[in-house]
N, C-alpha and C. Protein backbone atom coordinates (compact mmCIF):
# COMPACT_ATOMS: atom_id res chain seq x y z
N MET A 1 29.81 88.32 24.85
CA MET A 1 31.16 88.70 25.21
C MET A 1 32.15 87.58 24.90
N LEU A 2 31.81 86.35 25.17
CA LEU A 2 32.75 85.25 24.92
C LEU A 2 33.11 85.12 23.46
N SER A 3 32.16 85.39 22.58
CA SER A 3 32.49 85.28 21.15
C SER A 3 33.52 86.32 20.76
N THR A 4 33.51 87.47 21.41
CA THR A 4 34.51 88.49 21.14
C THR A 4 35.89 88.02 21.60
N ILE A 5 35.95 87.42 22.75
CA ILE A 5 37.22 86.91 23.26
C ILE A 5 37.76 85.82 22.35
N PHE A 6 36.91 84.92 21.93
CA PHE A 6 37.36 83.82 21.10
C PHE A 6 37.67 84.24 19.67
N GLN A 7 37.28 85.43 19.29
CA GLN A 7 37.59 85.93 17.97
C GLN A 7 38.85 86.80 17.96
N SER A 8 39.50 86.94 19.11
CA SER A 8 40.69 87.80 19.17
C SER A 8 41.82 87.17 18.36
N PRO A 9 42.63 88.00 17.73
CA PRO A 9 43.75 87.47 16.95
C PRO A 9 44.68 86.59 17.79
N ARG A 10 44.94 86.97 19.02
CA ARG A 10 45.84 86.15 19.85
C ARG A 10 45.26 84.77 20.08
N TRP A 11 43.98 84.72 20.37
CA TRP A 11 43.35 83.41 20.61
C TRP A 11 43.36 82.59 19.32
N LEU A 12 43.00 83.21 18.22
CA LEU A 12 42.98 82.50 16.94
C LEU A 12 44.36 81.94 16.59
N ILE A 13 45.40 82.71 16.81
CA ILE A 13 46.76 82.23 16.55
C ILE A 13 47.09 81.07 17.48
N SER A 14 46.68 81.18 18.73
CA SER A 14 47.01 80.13 19.71
C SER A 14 46.37 78.79 19.38
N VAL A 15 45.27 78.81 18.62
CA VAL A 15 44.62 77.56 18.24
C VAL A 15 44.89 77.20 16.77
N GLY A 16 45.89 77.88 16.18
CA GLY A 16 46.33 77.51 14.83
C GLY A 16 45.51 78.10 13.70
N ARG A 17 44.71 79.10 13.96
CA ARG A 17 43.86 79.71 12.92
C ARG A 17 44.48 81.04 12.48
N LYS A 18 45.69 80.96 11.93
CA LYS A 18 46.46 82.16 11.60
C LYS A 18 45.81 83.02 10.51
N ASP A 19 45.30 82.40 9.48
CA ASP A 19 44.68 83.17 8.40
C ASP A 19 43.49 83.97 8.92
N GLU A 20 42.69 83.33 9.75
CA GLU A 20 41.54 84.01 10.32
C GLU A 20 41.97 85.15 11.25
N ALA A 21 43.05 84.93 11.99
CA ALA A 21 43.57 85.98 12.89
C ALA A 21 43.99 87.20 12.09
N ARG A 22 44.64 86.97 10.98
CA ARG A 22 45.09 88.09 10.15
C ARG A 22 43.89 88.84 9.56
N GLN A 23 42.87 88.11 9.19
CA GLN A 23 41.66 88.75 8.66
C GLN A 23 40.98 89.61 9.72
N VAL A 24 40.97 89.14 10.97
CA VAL A 24 40.38 89.92 12.06
C VAL A 24 41.16 91.21 12.26
N LEU A 25 42.49 91.12 12.26
CA LEU A 25 43.31 92.33 12.37
C LEU A 25 42.96 93.32 11.26
N ALA A 26 42.89 92.83 10.05
CA ALA A 26 42.60 93.69 8.91
C ALA A 26 41.20 94.29 9.01
N LYS A 27 40.25 93.51 9.45
CA LYS A 27 38.87 93.97 9.56
C LYS A 27 38.76 95.16 10.51
N TYR A 28 39.43 95.08 11.63
CA TYR A 28 39.29 96.13 12.64
C TYR A 28 40.26 97.29 12.47
N HIS A 29 41.33 97.12 11.69
CA HIS A 29 42.29 98.20 11.55
C HIS A 29 42.27 98.87 10.18
N ARG A 30 41.94 98.15 9.14
CA ARG A 30 42.02 98.74 7.80
C ARG A 30 40.95 98.22 6.85
N ASN A 31 39.73 98.07 7.31
CA ASN A 31 38.62 97.68 6.45
C ASN A 31 38.91 96.45 5.59
N GLY A 32 39.63 95.49 6.14
CA GLY A 32 39.87 94.23 5.45
C GLY A 32 41.13 94.16 4.61
N ASP A 33 41.92 95.20 4.59
CA ASP A 33 43.14 95.20 3.78
C ASP A 33 44.29 94.55 4.57
N VAL A 34 44.55 93.28 4.30
CA VAL A 34 45.60 92.56 5.03
C VAL A 34 47.00 93.04 4.69
N ASN A 35 47.14 93.82 3.63
CA ASN A 35 48.45 94.34 3.23
C ASN A 35 48.70 95.76 3.70
N ALA A 36 47.77 96.34 4.44
CA ALA A 36 47.97 97.69 4.97
C ALA A 36 49.15 97.68 5.94
N PRO A 37 49.96 98.72 5.94
CA PRO A 37 51.15 98.75 6.79
C PRO A 37 50.87 98.48 8.27
N LEU A 38 49.81 99.02 8.82
CA LEU A 38 49.50 98.78 10.23
C LEU A 38 49.18 97.31 10.49
N VAL A 39 48.44 96.70 9.60
CA VAL A 39 48.09 95.28 9.74
C VAL A 39 49.36 94.42 9.64
N VAL A 40 50.21 94.73 8.69
CA VAL A 40 51.46 93.97 8.52
C VAL A 40 52.32 94.10 9.77
N LEU A 41 52.43 95.31 10.30
CA LEU A 41 53.23 95.54 11.50
C LEU A 41 52.68 94.76 12.69
N GLU A 42 51.37 94.85 12.91
CA GLU A 42 50.77 94.12 14.03
C GLU A 42 50.93 92.61 13.85
N TRP A 43 50.77 92.15 12.62
CA TRP A 43 50.91 90.72 12.35
C TRP A 43 52.33 90.25 12.68
N GLN A 44 53.30 91.03 12.30
CA GLN A 44 54.70 90.69 12.61
C GLN A 44 54.93 90.67 14.11
N GLU A 45 54.31 91.58 14.83
CA GLU A 45 54.44 91.59 16.30
C GLU A 45 53.83 90.35 16.90
N TYR A 46 52.67 89.94 16.44
CA TYR A 46 52.02 88.73 16.94
C TYR A 46 52.92 87.52 16.67
N GLN A 47 53.46 87.47 15.46
CA GLN A 47 54.30 86.34 15.08
C GLN A 47 55.58 86.28 15.94
N SER A 48 56.18 87.42 16.20
CA SER A 48 57.41 87.43 16.98
C SER A 48 57.16 87.03 18.44
N ARG A 49 56.00 87.33 18.95
CA ARG A 49 55.65 86.93 20.32
C ARG A 49 55.41 85.44 20.44
N ARG A 50 54.99 84.82 19.36
CA ARG A 50 54.69 83.39 19.37
C ARG A 50 55.96 82.56 19.28
N ASN A 51 57.06 83.12 18.86
CA ASN A 51 58.31 82.37 18.69
C ASN A 51 59.13 82.37 19.95
């Protein structure tokens, strides 16, 4: 269970692993396509929350 928590996009972003966070989003939402509209939208939401 802990590995799942530590692999969450929010946690990865919080520790500066942004590229990996985006890959996790893509993996679970669009079979690895980081340019899929849903992945892009979620990524923008994560980024706006961090600012």
